[in-house]
Amino acid sequence: MNPIALHNLARHELIGLQVSVVQSSHKGYVGVRGKVVNETKSMLLISDGVKTRMVPKEFSLFCFTLPDNSTAEVEGSTIVDRPVERIRNG
């Protein structure tokens, strides 16, 4: 598999990446930031080290920090799928 980059982010493992919620249909999620500690088909679990929040993927815009410290904005609707299926089908 190719190294994680903007063009292939949706086909990679997201757990461990730093992320912030840029936009969401629920304003309470905007500004949530931390590390992705788990994900389900429809949610990202984001921990700031104190609290873990479940943020729905489908109606949110995320900004991920990649291993090379670049950032990538991703529409959550493009990553809605079980992680194993998203990675396998990518």
PDB file of N, CA and C in Angstrom:
ATOM      1  N   MET A   1       0.841  -1.181   0.000  1.00  0.00           N
ATOM      2  CA  MET A   1       0.000   0.000   0.000  1.00  0.00           C
ATOM      3  C   MET A   1       0.889   1.248   0.000  1.00  0.00           C
ATOM      4  N   ASN A   2       0.475   2.263  -0.706  1.00  0.00           N
ATOM      5  CA  ASN A   2       1.235   3.508  -0.796  1.00  0.00           C
ATOM      6  C   ASN A   2       1.188   4.273   0.521  1.00  0.00           C
ATOM      7  N   PRO A   3       2.204   5.090   0.798  1.00  0.00           N
ATOM      8  CA  PRO A   3       2.185   5.916   2.008  1.00  0.00           C
ATOM      9  C   PRO A   3       0.945   6.822   2.014  1.00  0.00           C
ATOM     10  N   ILE A   4       0.459   7.113   3.195  1.00  0.00           N
ATOM     11  CA  ILE A   4      -0.729   7.935   3.338  1.00  0.00           C
ATOM     12  C   ILE A   4      -0.454   9.355   2.831  1.00  0.00           C
ATOM     13  N   ALA A   5      -1.383   9.865   2.032  1.00  0.00           N
ATOM     14  CA  ALA A   5      -1.271  11.203   1.447  1.00  0.00           C
ATOM     15  C   ALA A   5      -2.683  11.716   1.180  1.00  0.00           C
ATOM     16  N   LEU A   6      -2.784  12.957   0.824  1.00  0.00           N
ATOM     17  CA  LEU A   6      -4.082  13.576   0.576  1.00  0.00           C
ATOM     18  C   LEU A   6      -4.908  12.778  -0.424  1.00  0.00           C
ATOM     19  N   HIS A   7      -4.305  12.350  -1.516  1.00  0.00           N
ATOM     20  CA  HIS A   7      -5.059  11.685  -2.582  1.00  0.00           C
ATOM     21  C   HIS A   7      -5.539  10.278  -2.217  1.00  0.00           C
ATOM     22  N   ASN A   8      -4.979   9.660  -1.169  1.00  0.00           N
ATOM     23  CA  ASN A   8      -5.390   8.293  -0.820  1.00  0.00           C
ATOM     24  C   ASN A   8      -5.806   8.142   0.643  1.00  0.00           C
ATOM     25  N   LEU A   9      -6.027   9.236   1.323  1.00  0.00           N
ATOM     26  CA  LEU A   9      -6.356   9.213   2.751  1.00  0.00           C
ATOM     27  C   LEU A   9      -7.567   8.334   3.048  1.00  0.00           C
ATOM     28  N   ALA A  10      -8.585   8.405   2.225  1.00  0.00           N
ATOM     29  CA  ALA A  10      -9.814   7.647   2.475  1.00  0.00           C
ATOM     30  C   ALA A  10      -9.596   6.137   2.394  1.00  0.00           C
ATOM     31  N   ARG A  11      -8.497   5.700   1.831  1.00  0.00           N
ATOM     32  CA  ARG A  11      -8.219   4.268   1.693  1.00  0.00           C
ATOM     33  C   ARG A  11      -7.207   3.775   2.725  1.00  0.00           C
ATOM     34  N   HIS A  12      -6.892   4.601   3.709  1.00  0.00           N
ATOM     35  CA  HIS A  12      -5.912   4.245   4.731  1.00  0.00           C
ATOM     36  C   HIS A  12      -6.548   4.165   6.107  1.00  0.00           C
ATOM     37  N   GLU A  13      -5.794   3.616   7.027  1.00  0.00           N
ATOM     38  CA  GLU A  13      -6.166   3.565   8.429  1.00  0.00           C
ATOM     39  C   GLU A  13      -6.175   4.987   8.989  1.00  0.00           C
ATOM     40  N   LEU A  14      -7.244   5.369   9.675  1.00  0.00           N
ATOM     41  CA  LEU A  14      -7.348   6.703  10.250  1.00  0.00           C
ATOM     42  C   LEU A  14      -6.970   6.727  11.722  1.00  0.00           C
ATOM     43  N   ILE A  15      -7.036   5.570  12.370  1.00  0.00           N
ATOM     44  CA  ILE A  15      -6.712   5.500  13.791  1.00  0.00           C
ATOM     45  C   ILE A  15      -5.264   5.925  13.996  1.00  0.00           C
ATOM     46  N   GLY A  16      -5.080   6.831  14.943  1.00  0.00           N
ATOM     47  CA  GLY A  16      -3.749   7.352  15.249  1.00  0.00           C
ATOM     48  C   GLY A  16      -3.486   8.723  14.665  1.00  0.00           C
ATOM     49  N   LEU A  17      -4.293   9.140  13.694  1.00  0.00           N
ATOM     50  CA  LEU A  17      -4.102  10.458  13.095  1.00  0.00           C
ATOM     51  C   LEU A  17      -4.719  11.547  13.972  1.00  0.00           C
ATOM     52  N   GLN A  18      -4.109  12.715  13.970  1.00  0.00           N
ATOM     53  CA  GLN A  18      -4.697  13.886  14.615  1.00  0.00           C
ATOM     54  C   GLN A  18      -5.767  14.429  13.687  1.00  0.00           C
ATOM     55  N   VAL A  19      -6.863  14.897  14.264  1.00  0.00           N
ATOM     56  CA  VAL A  19      -7.989  15.369  13.460  1.00  0.00           C
ATOM     57  C   VAL A  19      -8.705  16.491  14.188  1.00  0.00           C
ATOM     58  N   SER A  20      -9.322  17.366  13.419  1.00  0.00           N
ATOM     59  CA  SER A  20     -10.230  18.359  13.990  1.00  0.00           C
ATOM     60  C   SER A  20     -11.474  18.400  13.118  1.00  0.00           C
ATOM     61  N   VAL A  21     -12.596  18.721  13.750  1.00  0.00           N
ATOM     62  CA  VAL A  21     -13.862  18.830  13.035  1.00  0.00           C
ATOM     63  C   VAL A  21     -14.015  20.280  12.596  1.00  0.00           C
ATOM     64  N   VAL A  22     -14.016  20.497  11.283  1.00  0.00           N
ATOM     65  CA  VAL A  22     -14.065  21.840  10.705  1.00  0.00           C
ATOM     66  C   VAL A  22     -15.517  22.313  10.560  1.00  0.00           C
ATOM     67  N   GLN A  23     -16.386  21.416  10.081  1.00  0.00           N
ATOM     68  CA  GLN A  23     -17.806  21.723   9.908  1.00  0.00           C
ATOM     69  C   GLN A  23     -18.601  20.488  10.285  1.00  0.00           C
ATOM     70  N   SER A  24     -19.821  20.719  10.731  1.00  0.00           N
ATOM     71  CA  SER A  24     -20.720  19.613  11.032  1.00  0.00           C
ATOM     72  C   SER A  24     -22.139  20.140  11.036  1.00  0.00           C
ATOM     73  N   SER A  25     -23.084  19.281  10.699  1.00  0.00           N
ATOM     74  CA  SER A  25     -24.482  19.688  10.756  1.00  0.00           C
ATOM     75  C   SER A  25     -24.904  19.920  12.204  1.00  0.00           C
ATOM     76  N   HIS A  26     -24.177  19.360  13.152  1.00  0.00           N
ATOM     77  CA  HIS A  26     -24.419  19.579  14.576  1.00  0.00           C
ATOM     78  C   HIS A  26     -23.299  20.487  15.083  1.00  0.00           C
ATOM     79  N   LYS A  27     -23.615  21.729  15.377  1.00  0.00           N
ATOM     80  CA  LYS A  27     -22.593  22.724  15.742  1.00  0.00           C
ATOM     81  C   LYS A  27     -21.778  22.318  16.969  1.00  0.00           C
ATOM     82  N   GLY A  28     -22.307  21.416  17.804  1.00  0.00           N
ATOM     83  CA  GLY A  28     -21.583  20.973  18.994  1.00  0.00           C
ATOM     84  C   GLY A  28     -20.322  20.184  18.680  1.00  0.00           C
ATOM     85  N   TYR A  29     -20.217  19.664  17.472  1.00  0.00           N
ATOM     86  CA  TYR A  29     -19.028  18.903  17.086  1.00  0.00           C
ATOM     87  C   TYR A  29     -17.937  19.785  16.486  1.00  0.00           C
ATOM     88  N   VAL A  30     -18.293  20.952  15.999  1.00  0.00           N
ATOM     89  CA  VAL A  30     -17.312  21.843  15.376  1.00  0.00           C
ATOM     90  C   VAL A  30     -16.264  22.235  16.420  1.00  0.00           C
ATOM     91  N   GLY A  31     -15.002  22.049  16.059  1.00  0.00           N
ATOM     92  CA  GLY A  31     -13.906  22.384  16.965  1.00  0.00           C
ATOM     93  C   GLY A  31     -13.396  21.206  17.769  1.00  0.00           C
ATOM     94  N   VAL A  32     -14.092  20.078  17.741  1.00  0.00           N
ATOM     95  CA  VAL A  32     -13.579  18.888  18.424  1.00  0.00           C
ATOM     96  C   VAL A  32     -12.265  18.512  17.760  1.00  0.00           C
ATOM     97  N   ARG A  33     -11.248  18.271  18.580  1.00  0.00           N
ATOM     98  CA  ARG A  33      -9.945  17.916  18.021  1.00  0.00           C
ATOM     99  C   ARG A  33      -9.242  16.934  18.933  1.00  0.00           C
ATOM    100  N   GLY A  34      -8.369  16.151  18.335  1.00  0.00           N
ATOM    101  CA  GLY A  34      -7.606  15.169  19.091  1.00  0.00           C
ATOM    102  C   GLY A  34      -7.136  14.065  18.166  1.00  0.00           C
ATOM    103  N   LYS A  35      -6.909  12.899  18.747  1.00  0.00           N
ATOM    104  CA  LYS A  35      -6.423  11.745  18.003  1.00  0.00           C
ATOM    105  C   LYS A  35      -7.587  10.791  17.743  1.00  0.00           C
ATOM    106  N   VAL A  36      -7.632  10.246  16.530  1.00  0.00           N
ATOM    107  CA  VAL A  36      -8.621   9.215  16.221  1.00  0.00           C
ATOM    108  C   VAL A  36      -8.189   7.956  16.977  1.00  0.00           C
ATOM    109  N   VAL A  37      -9.035   7.509  17.913  1.00  0.00           N
ATOM    110  CA  VAL A  37      -8.692   6.326  18.717  1.00  0.00           C
ATOM    111  C   VAL A  37      -9.463   5.092  18.267  1.00  0.00           C
ATOM    112  N   ASN A  38     -10.513   5.297  17.490  1.00  0.00           N
ATOM    113  CA  ASN A  38     -11.269   4.178  16.946  1.00  0.00           C
ATOM    114  C   ASN A  38     -12.210   4.728  15.885  1.00  0.00           C
ATOM    115  N   GLU A  39     -12.767   3.840  15.087  1.00  0.00           N
ATOM    116  CA  GLU A  39     -13.789   4.263  14.128  1.00  0.00           C
ATOM    117  C   GLU A  39     -14.730   3.116  13.855  1.00  0.00           C
ATOM    118  N   THR A  40     -15.955   3.477  13.552  1.00  0.00           N
ATOM    119  CA  THR A  40     -16.966   2.516  13.139  1.00  0.00           C
ATOM    120  C   THR A  40     -17.395   2.921  11.738  1.00  0.00           C
ATOM    121  N   LYS A  41     -18.397   2.230  11.212  1.00  0.00           N
ATOM    122  CA  LYS A  41     -18.898   2.564   9.881  1.00  0.00           C
ATOM    123  C   LYS A  41     -19.299   4.027   9.787  1.00  0.00           C
ATOM    124  N   SER A  42     -19.924   4.550  10.833  1.00  0.00           N
ATOM    125  CA  SER A  42     -20.485   5.899  10.731  1.00  0.00           C
ATOM    126  C   SER A  42     -19.906   6.910  11.710  1.00  0.00           C
ATOM    127  N   MET A  43     -18.958   6.505  12.549  1.00  0.00           N
ATOM    128  CA  MET A  43     -18.430   7.406  13.572  1.00  0.00           C
ATOM    129  C   MET A  43     -16.912   7.384  13.648  1.00  0.00           C
ATOM    130  N   LEU A  44     -16.351   8.536  14.026  1.00  0.00           N
ATOM    131  CA  LEU A  44     -14.949   8.609  14.438  1.00  0.00           C
ATOM    132  C   LEU A  44     -14.952   8.851  15.938  1.00  0.00           C
ATOM    133  N   LEU A  45     -14.135   8.127  16.679  1.00  0.00           N
ATOM    134  CA  LEU A  45     -13.962   8.363  18.103  1.00  0.00           C
ATOM    135  C   LEU A  45     -12.684   9.157  18.258  1.00  0.00           C
ATOM    136  N   ILE A  46     -12.826  10.367  18.770  1.00  0.00           N
ATOM    137  CA  ILE A  46     -11.722  11.322  18.854  1.00  0.00           C
ATOM    138  C   ILE A  46     -11.440  11.627  20.314  1.00  0.00           C
ATOM    139  N   SER A  47     -10.184  11.438  20.732  1.00  0.00           N
ATOM    140  CA  SER A  47      -9.790  11.686  22.113  1.00  0.00           C
ATOM    141  C   SER A  47      -8.828  12.867  22.186  1.00  0.00           C
ATOM    142  N   ASP A  48      -9.106  13.756  23.134  1.00  0.00           N
ATOM    143  CA  ASP A  48      -8.190  14.874  23.372  1.00  0.00           C
ATOM    144  C   ASP A  48      -7.242  14.564  24.532  1.00  0.00           C
ATOM    145  N   GLY A  49      -7.257  13.313  25.003  1.00  0.00           N
ATOM    146  CA  GLY A  49      -6.411  12.908  26.115  1.00  0.00           C
ATOM    147  C   GLY A  49      -7.157  12.899  27.433  1.00  0.00           C
ATOM    148  N   VAL A  50      -8.291  13.588  27.469  1.00  0.00           N
ATOM    149  CA  VAL A  50      -9.117  13.631  28.669  1.00  0.00           C
ATOM    150  C   VAL A  50     -10.485  13.033  28.388  1.00  0.00           C
ATOM    151  N   LYS A  51     -11.038  13.412  27.275  1.00  0.00           N
ATOM    152  CA  LYS A  51     -12.393  13.015  26.910  1.00  0.00           C
ATOM    153  C   LYS A  51     -12.394  12.435  25.501  1.00  0.00           C
ATOM    154  N   THR A  52     -13.220  11.416  25.288  1.00  0.00           N
ATOM    155  CA  THR A  52     -13.377  10.836  23.955  1.00  0.00           C
ATOM    156  C   THR A  52     -14.774  11.157  23.457  1.00  0.00           C
ATOM    157  N   ARG A  53     -14.848  11.698  22.257  1.00  0.00           N
ATOM    158  CA  ARG A  53     -16.137  12.073  21.652  1.00  0.00           C
ATOM    159  C   ARG A  53     -16.379  11.214  20.418  1.00  0.00           C
ATOM    160  N   MET A  54     -17.631  10.850  20.215  1.00  0.00           N
ATOM    161  CA  MET A  54     -18.044  10.135  19.010  1.00  0.00           C
ATOM    162  C   MET A  54     -18.624  11.162  18.050  1.00  0.00           C
ATOM    163  N   VAL A  55     -18.018  11.293  16.880  1.00  0.00           N
ATOM    164  CA  VAL A  55     -18.447  12.288  15.897  1.00  0.00           C
ATOM    165  C   VAL A  55     -18.926  11.556  14.647  1.00  0.00           C
ATOM    166  N   PRO A  56     -20.168  11.833  14.211  1.00  0.00           N
ATOM    167  CA  PRO A  56     -20.655  11.184  12.992  1.00  0.00           C
ATOM    168  C   PRO A  56     -19.861  11.631  11.768  1.00  0.00           C
ATOM    169  N   LYS A  57     -19.529  10.679  10.921  1.00  0.00           N
ATOM    170  CA  LYS A  57     -18.752  10.985   9.718  1.00  0.00           C
ATOM    171  C   LYS A  57     -19.584  11.713   8.667  1.00  0.00           C
ATOM    172  N   GLU A  58     -20.783  11.214   8.425  1.00  0.00           N
ATOM    173  CA  GLU A  58     -21.534  11.604   7.237  1.00  0.00           C
ATOM    174  C   GLU A  58     -21.775  13.097   7.081  1.00  0.00           C
ATOM    175  N   PHE A  59     -22.038  13.796   8.143  1.00  0.00           N
ATOM    176  CA  PHE A  59     -22.404  15.212   8.024  1.00  0.00           C
ATOM    177  C   PHE A  59     -21.327  16.137   8.571  1.00  0.00           C
ATOM    178  N   SER A  60     -20.069  15.696   8.508  1.00  0.00           N
ATOM    179  CA  SER A  60     -18.968  16.481   9.050  1.00  0.00           C
ATOM    180  C   SER A  60     -17.848  16.632   8.028  1.00  0.00           C
ATOM    181  N   LEU A  61     -17.079  17.683   8.203  1.00  0.00           N
ATOM    182  CA  LEU A  61     -15.867  17.923   7.423  1.00  0.00           C
ATOM    183  C   LEU A  61     -14.708  17.863   8.407  1.00  0.00           C
ATOM    184  N   PHE A  62     -13.733  17.002   8.115  1.00  0.00           N
ATOM    185  CA  PHE A  62     -12.609  16.776   9.014  1.00  0.00           C
ATOM    186  C   PHE A  62     -11.316  17.310   8.405  1.00  0.00           C
ATOM    187  N   CYS A  63     -10.422  17.754   9.262  1.00  0.00           N
ATOM    188  CA  CYS A  63      -9.077  18.138   8.841  1.00  0.00           C
ATOM    189  C   CYS A  63      -8.101  17.209   9.559  1.00  0.00           C
ATOM    190  N   PHE A  64      -7.471  16.324   8.792  1.00  0.00           N
ATOM    191  CA  PHE A  64      -6.519  15.354   9.333  1.00  0.00           C
ATOM    192  C   PHE A  64      -5.100  15.888   9.186  1.00  0.00           C
ATOM    193  N   THR A  65      -4.259  15.618  10.180  1.00  0.00           N
ATOM    194  CA  THR A  65      -2.834  15.903  10.083  1.00  0.00           C
ATOM    195  C   THR A  65      -2.150  14.592   9.704  1.00  0.00           C
ATOM    196  N   LEU A  66      -1.492  14.591   8.577  1.00  0.00           N
ATOM    197  CA  LEU A  66      -0.842  13.393   8.046  1.00  0.00           C
ATOM    198  C   LEU A  66       0.534  13.211   8.687  1.00  0.00           C
ATOM    199  N   PRO A  67       1.119  12.021   8.563  1.00  0.00           N
ATOM    200  CA  PRO A  67       2.425  11.764   9.183  1.00  0.00           C
ATOM    201  C   PRO A  67       3.528  12.740   8.774  1.00  0.00           C
ATOM    202  N   ASP A  68       3.435  13.325   7.585  1.00  0.00           N
ATOM    203  CA  ASP A  68       4.458  14.285   7.153  1.00  0.00           C
ATOM    204  C   ASP A  68       4.128  15.715   7.615  1.00  0.00           C
ATOM    205  N   ASN A  69       3.137  15.854   8.507  1.00  0.00           N
ATOM    206  CA  ASN A  69       2.664  17.121   9.076  1.00  0.00           C
ATOM    207  C   ASN A  69       1.876  17.985   8.099  1.00  0.00           C
ATOM    208  N   SER A  70       1.582  17.496   6.905  1.00  0.00           N
ATOM    209  CA  SER A  70       0.668  18.216   6.026  1.00  0.00           C
ATOM    210  C   SER A  70      -0.751  17.947   6.528  1.00  0.00           C
ATOM    211  N   THR A  71      -1.701  18.734   6.053  1.00  0.00           N
ATOM    212  CA  THR A  71      -3.081  18.551   6.470  1.00  0.00           C
ATOM    213  C   THR A  71      -3.955  18.249   5.264  1.00  0.00           C
ATOM    214  N   ALA A  72      -5.052  17.575   5.531  1.00  0.00           N
ATOM    215  CA  ALA A  72      -5.971  17.198   4.457  1.00  0.00           C
ATOM    216  C   ALA A  72      -7.398  17.320   4.975  1.00  0.00           C
ATOM    217  N   GLU A  73      -8.230  18.072   4.264  1.00  0.00           N
ATOM    218  CA  GLU A  73      -9.644  18.152   4.602  1.00  0.00           C
ATOM    219  C   GLU A  73     -10.387  17.048   3.865  1.00  0.00           C
ATOM    220  N   VAL A  74     -11.251  16.355   4.592  1.00  0.00           N
ATOM    221  CA  VAL A  74     -11.974  15.219   4.043  1.00  0.00           C
ATOM    222  C   VAL A  74     -13.445  15.339   4.416  1.00  0.00           C
ATOM    223  N   GLU A  75     -14.297  15.249   3.402  1.00  0.00           N
ATOM    224  CA  GLU A  75     -15.740  15.174   3.647  1.00  0.00           C
ATOM    225  C   GLU A  75     -16.024  13.826   4.289  1.00  0.00           C
ATOM    226  N   GLY A  76     -16.674  13.844   5.426  1.00  0.00           N
ATOM    227  CA  GLY A  76     -16.956  12.607   6.133  1.00  0.00           C
ATOM    228  C   GLY A  76     -17.743  11.607   5.310  1.00  0.00           C
ATOM    229  N   SER A  77     -18.585  12.103   4.417  1.00  0.00           N
ATOM    230  CA  SER A  77     -19.390  11.187   3.595  1.00  0.00           C
ATOM    231  C   SER A  77     -18.515  10.289   2.716  1.00  0.00           C
ATOM    232  N   THR A  78     -17.278  10.693   2.437  1.00  0.00           N
ATOM    233  CA  THR A  78     -16.389   9.872   1.604  1.00  0.00           C
ATOM    234  C   THR A  78     -15.719   8.752   2.394  1.00  0.00           C
ATOM    235  N   ILE A  79     -15.815   8.800   3.724  1.00  0.00           N
ATOM    236  CA  ILE A  79     -15.190   7.764   4.546  1.00  0.00           C
ATOM    237  C   ILE A  79     -16.218   6.944   5.328  1.00  0.00           C
ATOM    238  N   VAL A  80     -17.501   7.119   4.986  1.00  0.00           N
ATOM    239  CA  VAL A  80     -18.540   6.324   5.640  1.00  0.00           C
ATOM    240  C   VAL A  80     -18.483   4.910   5.080  1.00  0.00           C
ATOM    241  N   ASP A  81     -18.041   3.998   5.893  1.00  0.00           N
ATOM    242  CA  ASP A  81     -17.971   2.576   5.574  1.00  0.00           C
ATOM    243  C   ASP A  81     -17.244   1.924   6.735  1.00  0.00           C
ATOM    244  N   ARG A  82     -17.400   0.632   6.859  1.00  0.00           N
ATOM    245  CA  ARG A  82     -16.613  -0.082   7.852  1.00  0.00           C
ATOM    246  C   ARG A  82     -15.153   0.090   7.463  1.00  0.00           C
ATOM    247  N   PRO A  83     -14.280   0.411   8.419  1.00  0.00           N
ATOM    248  CA  PRO A  83     -12.872   0.665   8.082  1.00  0.00           C
ATOM    249  C   PRO A  83     -12.234  -0.437   7.245  1.00  0.00           C
ATOM    250  N   VAL A  84     -12.463  -1.681   7.599  1.00  0.00           N
ATOM    251  CA  VAL A  84     -11.843  -2.777   6.853  1.00  0.00           C
ATOM    252  C   VAL A  84     -12.340  -2.807   5.409  1.00  0.00           C
ATOM    253  N   GLU A  85     -13.609  -2.508   5.173  1.00  0.00           N
ATOM    254  CA  GLU A  85     -14.155  -2.486   3.816  1.00  0.00           C
ATOM    255  C   GLU A  85     -13.632  -1.281   3.037  1.00  0.00           C
ATOM    256  N   ARG A  86     -13.547  -0.142   3.698  1.00  0.00           N
ATOM    257  CA  ARG A  86     -13.058   1.063   3.027  1.00  0.00           C
ATOM    258  C   ARG A  86     -11.615   0.879   2.566  1.00  0.00           C
ATOM    259  N   ILE A  87     -10.806   0.280   3.421  1.00  0.00           N
ATOM    260  CA  ILE A  87      -9.396   0.069   3.094  1.00  0.00           C
ATOM    261  C   ILE A  87      -9.263  -0.998   1.995  1.00  0.00           C
ATOM    262  N   ARG A  88     -10.009  -2.078   2.138  1.00  0.00           N
ATOM    263  CA  ARG A  88      -9.946  -3.176   1.159  1.00  0.00           C
ATOM    264  C   ARG A  88     -10.428  -2.735  -0.209  1.00  0.00           C
ATOM    265  N   ASN A  89     -11.515  -1.951  -0.255  1.00  0.00           N
ATOM    266  CA  ASN A  89     -12.106  -1.542  -1.533  1.00  0.00           C
ATOM    267  C   ASN A  89     -11.415  -0.341  -2.152  1.00  0.00           C
ATOM    268  N   GLY A  90     -10.551   0.305  -1.384  1.00  0.00           N
ATOM    269  CA  GLY A  90      -9.884   1.506  -1.883  1.00  0.00           C
ATOM    270  C   GLY A  90      -8.896   1.169  -2.915  1.00  0.00           C
TER     271      GLY A  90
END
